[in-house]
């Protein structure tokens, strides 16, 4: 893939605009915190990675949840997306990046997609030589962090 110096605040503005309809539809609110100016990455692919993480975070909430906060944080070379949704049991966390794998089998495709979003996130991260970390606890939420080398 072709990497280029990318203005991170501009990239995050594009991501925020791209996910706005989905967030509005499900009642989630995105907060962005950025401490990085420029990073070397493929902006189109990274935009897709962030879109998938944010949409996944929005889908992590039960429909009746009163508040649905999502936080996108960029610090140094690490991008983190956090929610306070259902969370993922420890024993299932290693599988979430498998194609078509879905933690909650009861959610229909209409509600939660096809199970390819996190597989795509992993493929994009791998193509950039980035590492992924998942911190999740059932009932408390999930943070997925992707760190560029």
C-alpha atoms as a PDB file:
ATOM      1  CA  UNK A   1       0.000   0.000   0.000  1.00  0.00           C
ATOM      2  CA  UNK A   2       1.054   3.565  -0.568  1.00  0.00           C
ATOM      3  CA  UNK A   3       1.716   5.519   2.625  1.00  0.00           C
ATOM      4  CA  UNK A   4       1.726   9.307   2.688  1.00  0.00           C
ATOM      5  CA  UNK A   5       2.066  11.955   5.376  1.00  0.00           C
ATOM      6  CA  UNK A   6      -1.569  12.523   6.401  1.00  0.00           C
ATOM      7  CA  UNK A   7      -3.077  15.435   8.299  1.00  0.00           C
ATOM      8  CA  UNK A   8      -4.780  13.598  11.156  1.00  0.00           C
ATOM      9  CA  UNK A   9      -7.242  16.334  12.232  1.00  0.00           C
ATOM     10  CA  UNK A  10      -8.479  16.556   8.615  1.00  0.00           C
ATOM     11  CA  UNK A  11      -8.771  12.757   8.418  1.00  0.00           C
ATOM     12  CA  UNK A  12     -10.781  12.697  11.649  1.00  0.00           C
ATOM     13  CA  UNK A  13     -13.127  15.395  10.319  1.00  0.00           C
ATOM     14  CA  UNK A  14     -13.778  13.211   7.251  1.00  0.00           C
ATOM     15  CA  UNK A  15     -14.395  10.177   9.471  1.00  0.00           C
ATOM     16  CA  UNK A  16     -16.786  12.143  11.699  1.00  0.00           C
ATOM     17  CA  UNK A  17     -18.750  13.306   8.639  1.00  0.00           C
ATOM     18  CA  UNK A  18     -18.813   9.767   7.217  1.00  0.00           C
ATOM     19  CA  UNK A  19     -20.218   8.114  10.343  1.00  0.00           C
ATOM     20  CA  UNK A  20     -22.638  10.910  11.269  1.00  0.00           C
ATOM     21  CA  UNK A  21     -25.716   9.342   9.585  1.00  0.00           C
ATOM     22  CA  UNK A  22     -25.169   5.979  11.314  1.00  0.00           C
ATOM     23  CA  UNK A  23     -24.581   7.620  14.693  1.00  0.00           C
ATOM     24  CA  UNK A  24     -27.663   9.787  14.325  1.00  0.00           C
ATOM     25  CA  UNK A  25     -29.732   6.750  13.335  1.00  0.00           C
ATOM     26  CA  UNK A  26     -28.771   4.822  16.464  1.00  0.00           C
ATOM     27  CA  UNK A  27     -28.539   7.777  18.859  1.00  0.00           C
ATOM     28  CA  UNK A  28     -24.804   7.495  19.562  1.00  0.00           C
ATOM     29  CA  UNK A  29     -22.605  10.521  20.220  1.00  0.00           C
ATOM     30  CA  UNK A  30     -18.978  10.644  19.026  1.00  0.00           C
ATOM     31  CA  UNK A  31     -16.310  12.626  20.877  1.00  0.00           C
ATOM     32  CA  UNK A  32     -12.932  13.079  19.175  1.00  0.00           C
ATOM     33  CA  UNK A  33      -9.702  13.842  21.012  1.00  0.00           C
ATOM     34  CA  UNK A  34      -6.580  14.272  18.903  1.00  0.00           C
ATOM     35  CA  UNK A  35      -2.987  14.876  19.957  1.00  0.00           C
ATOM     36  CA  UNK A  36      -1.376  14.027  16.612  1.00  0.00           C
ATOM     37  CA  UNK A  37      -0.811  16.292  13.623  1.00  0.00           C
ATOM     38  CA  UNK A  38       0.642  14.176  10.812  1.00  0.00           C
ATOM     39  CA  UNK A  39       1.180  10.433  10.488  1.00  0.00           C
ATOM     40  CA  UNK A  40       2.400   8.294   7.614  1.00  0.00           C
ATOM     41  CA  UNK A  41      -0.500   6.090   6.451  1.00  0.00           C
ATOM     42  CA  UNK A  42      -2.880   5.331   3.630  1.00  0.00           C
ATOM     43  CA  UNK A  43      -5.685   7.821   4.367  1.00  0.00           C
ATOM     44  CA  UNK A  44      -8.389   6.006   2.391  1.00  0.00           C
ATOM     45  CA  UNK A  45      -7.744   2.686   4.111  1.00  0.00           C
ATOM     46  CA  UNK A  46      -7.344   4.274   7.544  1.00  0.00           C
ATOM     47  CA  UNK A  47     -10.648   6.126   7.088  1.00  0.00           C
ATOM     48  CA  UNK A  48     -12.291   2.749   6.432  1.00  0.00           C
ATOM     49  CA  UNK A  49     -10.614   1.256   9.511  1.00  0.00           C
ATOM     50  CA  UNK A  50     -11.898   4.059  11.738  1.00  0.00           C
ATOM     51  CA  UNK A  51     -15.384   3.988  10.190  1.00  0.00           C
ATOM     52  CA  UNK A  52     -15.638   0.271  10.935  1.00  0.00           C
ATOM     53  CA  UNK A  53     -14.449   0.672  14.529  1.00  0.00           C
ATOM     54  CA  UNK A  54     -16.898   3.514  15.196  1.00  0.00           C
ATOM     55  CA  UNK A  55     -19.869   1.743  13.596  1.00  0.00           C
ATOM     56  CA  UNK A  56     -19.002  -1.377  15.617  1.00  0.00           C
ATOM     57  CA  UNK A  57     -18.941   0.745  18.777  1.00  0.00           C
ATOM     58  CA  UNK A  58     -22.351   2.205  17.900  1.00  0.00           C
ATOM     59  CA  UNK A  59     -23.719  -1.315  17.385  1.00  0.00           C
ATOM     60  CA  UNK A  60     -22.381  -2.374  20.799  1.00  0.00           C
ATOM     61  CA  UNK A  61     -25.221  -0.591  22.580  1.00  0.00           C
ATOM     62  CA  UNK A  62     -28.615  -2.058  23.319  1.00  0.00           C
ATOM     63  CA  UNK A  63     -31.334  -0.095  21.509  1.00  0.00           C
ATOM     64  CA  UNK A  64     -32.890   1.086  24.777  1.00  0.00           C
ATOM     65  CA  UNK A  65     -29.631   2.500  26.216  1.00  0.00           C
ATOM     66  CA  UNK A  66     -30.232   6.120  27.225  1.00  0.00           C
ATOM     67  CA  UNK A  67     -26.708   7.320  26.472  1.00  0.00           C
ATOM     68  CA  UNK A  68     -24.457   5.910  23.781  1.00  0.00           C
ATOM     69  CA  UNK A  69     -21.081   7.657  24.004  1.00  0.00           C
ATOM     70  CA  UNK A  70     -18.245   6.731  21.673  1.00  0.00           C
ATOM     71  CA  UNK A  71     -14.780   8.215  21.995  1.00  0.00           C
ATOM     72  CA  UNK A  72     -12.154   8.321  19.253  1.00  0.00           C
ATOM     73  CA  UNK A  73      -8.758   9.225  20.679  1.00  0.00           C
ATOM     74  CA  UNK A  74      -5.512   9.737  18.792  1.00  0.00           C
ATOM     75  CA  UNK A  75      -2.379  10.001  20.887  1.00  0.00           C
ATOM     76  CA  UNK A  76       1.066   9.764  19.320  1.00  0.00           C
ATOM     77  CA  UNK A  77       0.699   6.876  16.823  1.00  0.00           C
ATOM     78  CA  UNK A  78      -2.277   5.140  18.502  1.00  0.00           C
ATOM     79  CA  UNK A  79      -5.932   5.403  17.485  1.00  0.00           C
ATOM     80  CA  UNK A  80      -8.457   4.162  20.072  1.00  0.00           C
ATOM     81  CA  UNK A  81     -12.225   3.785  19.798  1.00  0.00           C
ATOM     82  CA  UNK A  82     -14.127   3.247  23.058  1.00  0.00           C
ATOM     83  CA  UNK A  83     -17.737   2.535  23.917  1.00  0.00           C
ATOM     84  CA  UNK A  84     -19.644   1.696  27.086  1.00  0.00           C
ATOM     85  CA  UNK A  85     -21.766  -0.947  25.393  1.00  0.00           C
ATOM     86  CA  UNK A  86     -22.312  -4.647  26.006  1.00  0.00           C
ATOM     87  CA  UNK A  87     -18.615  -5.591  26.057  1.00  0.00           C
ATOM     88  CA  UNK A  88     -17.039  -8.834  24.891  1.00  0.00           C
ATOM     89  CA  UNK A  89     -16.370 -11.861  27.118  1.00  0.00           C
ATOM     90  CA  UNK A  90     -12.629 -12.543  27.518  1.00  0.00           C
ATOM     91  CA  UNK A  91     -12.881 -16.001  25.949  1.00  0.00           C
ATOM     92  CA  UNK A  92     -14.360 -14.551  22.722  1.00  0.00           C
ATOM     93  CA  UNK A  93     -12.024 -11.571  22.259  1.00  0.00           C
ATOM     94  CA  UNK A  94      -9.445 -13.534  20.266  1.00  0.00           C
ATOM     95  CA  UNK A  95     -12.084 -14.362  17.623  1.00  0.00           C
ATOM     96  CA  UNK A  96     -13.577 -10.930  16.907  1.00  0.00           C
ATOM     97  CA  UNK A  97     -11.266 -10.252  13.958  1.00  0.00           C
ATOM     98  CA  UNK A  98     -12.259 -13.476  12.160  1.00  0.00           C
ATOM     99  CA  UNK A  99     -14.369 -12.934   9.026  1.00  0.00           C
ATOM    100  CA  UNK A 100     -18.109 -13.434   9.673  1.00  0.00           C
ATOM    101  CA  UNK A 101     -17.604 -13.984  13.415  1.00  0.00           C
ATOM    102  CA  UNK A 102     -20.181 -12.229  15.571  1.00  0.00           C
ATOM    103  CA  UNK A 103     -20.116 -12.185  19.355  1.00  0.00           C
ATOM    104  CA  UNK A 104     -23.878 -11.726  19.629  1.00  0.00           C
ATOM    105  CA  UNK A 105     -25.445 -14.325  17.337  1.00  0.00           C
ATOM    106  CA  UNK A 106     -28.943 -13.017  18.114  1.00  0.00           C
ATOM    107  CA  UNK A 107     -28.363  -9.741  16.262  1.00  0.00           C
ATOM    108  CA  UNK A 108     -29.671  -9.883  12.716  1.00  0.00           C
ATOM    109  CA  UNK A 109     -27.748  -8.626   9.703  1.00  0.00           C
ATOM    110  CA  UNK A 110     -30.175  -5.714   9.604  1.00  0.00           C
ATOM    111  CA  UNK A 111     -29.124  -4.671  13.105  1.00  0.00           C
ATOM    112  CA  UNK A 112     -25.430  -5.403  13.065  1.00  0.00           C
ATOM    113  CA  UNK A 113     -23.942  -6.052   9.636  1.00  0.00           C
ATOM    114  CA  UNK A 114     -22.234  -9.119   8.215  1.00  0.00           C
ATOM    115  CA  UNK A 115     -19.356  -9.704  10.611  1.00  0.00           C
ATOM    116  CA  UNK A 116     -16.724  -8.405   8.189  1.00  0.00           C
ATOM    117  CA  UNK A 117     -15.988  -4.983   9.713  1.00  0.00           C
ATOM    118  CA  UNK A 118     -13.395  -6.095  12.269  1.00  0.00           C
ATOM    119  CA  UNK A 119     -11.805  -8.520   9.795  1.00  0.00           C
ATOM    120  CA  UNK A 120     -11.326  -5.526   7.494  1.00  0.00           C
ATOM    121  CA  UNK A 121      -9.901  -3.496  10.401  1.00  0.00           C
ATOM    122  CA  UNK A 122      -7.341  -6.253  11.025  1.00  0.00           C
ATOM    123  CA  UNK A 123      -6.398  -6.502   7.346  1.00  0.00           C
ATOM    124  CA  UNK A 124      -5.854  -2.730   7.110  1.00  0.00           C
ATOM    125  CA  UNK A 125      -3.865  -2.669  10.353  1.00  0.00           C
ATOM    126  CA  UNK A 126      -1.728  -5.595   9.142  1.00  0.00           C
ATOM    127  CA  UNK A 127      -1.086  -3.845   5.810  1.00  0.00           C
ATOM    128  CA  UNK A 128       0.251  -0.854   7.782  1.00  0.00           C
ATOM    129  CA  UNK A 129       2.341  -3.035  10.118  1.00  0.00           C
ATOM    130  CA  UNK A 130       0.129  -1.806  12.978  1.00  0.00           C
ATOM    131  CA  UNK A 131      -0.762  -3.690  16.148  1.00  0.00           C
ATOM    132  CA  UNK A 132      -4.274  -4.060  17.586  1.00  0.00           C
ATOM    133  CA  UNK A 133      -5.229  -4.329  21.248  1.00  0.00           C
ATOM    134  CA  UNK A 134      -8.682  -5.042  22.666  1.00  0.00           C
ATOM    135  CA  UNK A 135      -9.723  -4.143  26.205  1.00  0.00           C
ATOM    136  CA  UNK A 136     -13.265  -5.229  26.972  1.00  0.00           C
ATOM    137  CA  UNK A 137     -15.433  -6.258  29.877  1.00  0.00           C
ATOM    138  CA  UNK A 138     -19.032  -7.446  29.624  1.00  0.00           C
ATOM    139  CA  UNK A 139     -21.441  -4.755  30.777  1.00  0.00           C
ATOM    140  CA  UNK A 140     -18.703  -2.093  30.859  1.00  0.00           C
ATOM    141  CA  UNK A 141     -17.697  -1.606  27.227  1.00  0.00           C
ATOM    142  CA  UNK A 142     -14.840  -2.044  24.809  1.00  0.00           C
ATOM    143  CA  UNK A 143     -11.773  -0.143  23.640  1.00  0.00           C
ATOM    144  CA  UNK A 144     -10.001  -1.158  20.449  1.00  0.00           C
ATOM    145  CA  UNK A 145      -6.599   0.469  19.950  1.00  0.00           C
ATOM    146  CA  UNK A 146      -4.589   0.385  16.733  1.00  0.00           C
ATOM    147  CA  UNK A 147      -0.960   1.514  16.921  1.00  0.00           C
ATOM    148  CA  UNK A 148       1.104   2.379  13.882  1.00  0.00           C
ATOM    149  CA  UNK A 149       4.771   1.316  13.988  1.00  0.00           C
END
